[in-house]
Amino acid sequence: MSFFLCLPGADALSAFRQQRLLTALMDQGIELESIEAQYLHLIWSEAQLAPGKLDLLASLLTYGDPFASKLKSSGSWFGKGVDQKQQALVIPRLGTVSPWASKATEI
């Protein structure tokens, strides 16, 4: 049996990057009041993780500025109270190898 887990990560956009992205989207005719992003860690394992290993994994994935949504709440799985019509989940295509992963393979 396989097990899947999603752990929340840090804030993915600094204030500078948020503003730069908003400006780029406005230049394309997309009107937004704000934008925010959070890293999500998707974990797949062959066996259910023991509580100690889950705690260790969670501590390894705690980094950077903690994510705190500034959007109004309405209760979705992305975060407490974020309206689903204001959200998008962006993930790499299956089989995509990141530049970091391909470089690590070379080393």
Protein backbone atom coordinates (compact mmCIF):
# COMPACT_ATOMS: atom_id res chain seq x y z
CA MET A 1 0.00 0.00 0.00
CA SER A 2 1.23 3.56 -0.74
CA PHE A 3 0.89 6.57 1.50
CA PHE A 4 0.66 10.21 0.48
CA LEU A 5 1.25 13.22 2.70
CA CYS A 6 1.23 16.98 2.11
CA LEU A 7 3.22 19.18 4.47
CA PRO A 8 3.01 22.99 4.27
CA GLY A 9 6.23 24.88 3.63
CA ALA A 10 7.55 28.40 3.84
CA ASP A 11 6.47 31.56 2.07
CA ALA A 12 7.49 31.19 -1.59
CA LEU A 13 7.49 34.88 -2.56
CA SER A 14 9.30 37.78 -0.93
CA ALA A 15 7.54 41.17 -0.97
CA PHE A 16 9.83 42.23 -3.82
CA ARG A 17 8.97 39.16 -5.92
CA GLN A 18 5.27 39.60 -5.21
CA GLN A 19 5.40 43.17 -6.50
CA ARG A 20 7.47 42.20 -9.54
CA LEU A 21 5.04 39.40 -10.41
CA LEU A 22 2.00 41.64 -9.96
CA THR A 23 3.58 44.25 -12.25
CA ALA A 24 4.38 41.62 -14.91
CA LEU A 25 0.82 40.29 -14.77
CA MET A 26 -0.64 43.81 -15.01
CA ASP A 27 1.49 44.39 -18.12
CA GLN A 28 -0.26 41.35 -19.62
CA GLY A 29 -3.70 42.74 -18.78
CA ILE A 30 -4.29 40.53 -15.75
CA GLU A 31 -5.71 42.55 -12.87
CA LEU A 32 -5.00 41.28 -9.37
CA GLU A 33 -5.06 43.00 -6.02
CA SER A 34 -2.43 40.74 -4.48
CA ILE A 35 -0.61 37.48 -4.96
CA GLU A 36 0.98 35.08 -2.53
CA ALA A 37 2.57 31.64 -2.72
CA GLN A 38 3.51 28.87 -0.33
CA TYR A 39 5.70 25.84 -0.83
CA LEU A 40 3.92 22.52 -0.37
CA HIS A 41 5.88 19.32 0.15
CA LEU A 42 4.22 16.27 -1.37
CA ILE A 43 5.53 13.05 0.15
CA TRP A 44 4.84 9.59 -1.19
CA SER A 45 6.05 6.52 0.67
CA GLU A 46 5.66 2.76 0.48
CA ALA A 47 4.80 2.56 4.19
CA GLN A 48 3.13 4.87 6.66
CA LEU A 49 5.72 7.01 8.46
CA ALA A 50 6.19 6.38 12.16
CA PRO A 51 5.45 9.43 14.35
CA GLY A 52 9.18 9.98 15.09
CA LYS A 53 10.09 9.90 11.40
CA LEU A 54 7.18 12.18 10.56
CA ASP A 55 8.38 14.67 13.19
CA LEU A 56 11.93 14.48 11.77
CA LEU A 57 10.66 15.05 8.23
CA ALA A 58 8.52 18.01 9.37
CA SER A 59 11.52 19.55 11.15
CA LEU A 60 13.70 19.16 8.03
CA LEU A 61 11.01 20.91 5.98
CA THR A 62 10.71 23.85 8.37
CA TYR A 63 12.74 26.69 6.86
CA GLY A 64 12.55 30.30 5.69
CA ASP A 65 9.84 32.77 6.56
CA PRO A 66 6.69 31.00 7.74
CA PHE A 67 3.73 31.40 5.40
CA ALA A 68 0.90 33.55 6.69
CA SER A 69 -1.93 34.19 4.23
CA LYS A 70 -3.30 37.72 4.12
CA LEU A 71 -6.40 36.67 2.14
CA LYS A 72 -9.84 36.44 3.70
CA SER A 73 -10.82 33.07 5.15
CA SER A 74 -13.51 30.74 3.90
CA GLY A 75 -12.09 27.29 4.62
CA SER A 76 -10.20 25.33 1.97
CA TRP A 77 -7.53 22.67 2.20
CA PHE A 78 -4.88 25.12 0.91
CA GLY A 79 -5.06 27.12 4.08
CA LYS A 80 -7.59 28.09 6.63
CA GLY A 81 -10.11 30.36 5.06
CA VAL A 82 -8.69 31.01 1.62
CA ASP A 83 -11.38 31.20 -1.08
CA GLN A 84 -10.81 28.38 -3.57
CA LYS A 85 -11.55 30.53 -6.60
CA GLN A 86 -8.50 32.59 -5.64
CA GLN A 87 -6.12 29.62 -5.64
CA ALA A 88 -4.02 27.59 -8.02
CA LEU A 89 -1.81 24.61 -7.31
CA VAL A 90 1.24 24.59 -9.57
CA ILE A 91 3.40 21.47 -9.75
CA PRO A 92 5.97 20.16 -12.24
CA ARG A 93 4.83 17.70 -14.90
CA LEU A 94 5.32 14.05 -13.97
CA GLY A 95 8.75 12.95 -15.07
CA THR A 96 10.19 16.46 -14.94
CA VAL A 97 13.75 16.54 -13.62
CA SER A 98 14.81 19.79 -11.98
CA PRO A 99 18.15 21.38 -12.93
CA TRP A 100 19.32 20.73 -9.38
CA ALA A 101 18.45 17.04 -9.60
CA SER A 102 20.12 16.59 -12.98
CA LYS A 103 23.27 18.37 -11.73
CA ALA A 104 23.32 16.21 -8.59
CA THR A 105 23.17 13.12 -10.81
CA GLU A 106 26.21 14.35 -12.78
CA ILE A 107 28.20 14.90 -9.59
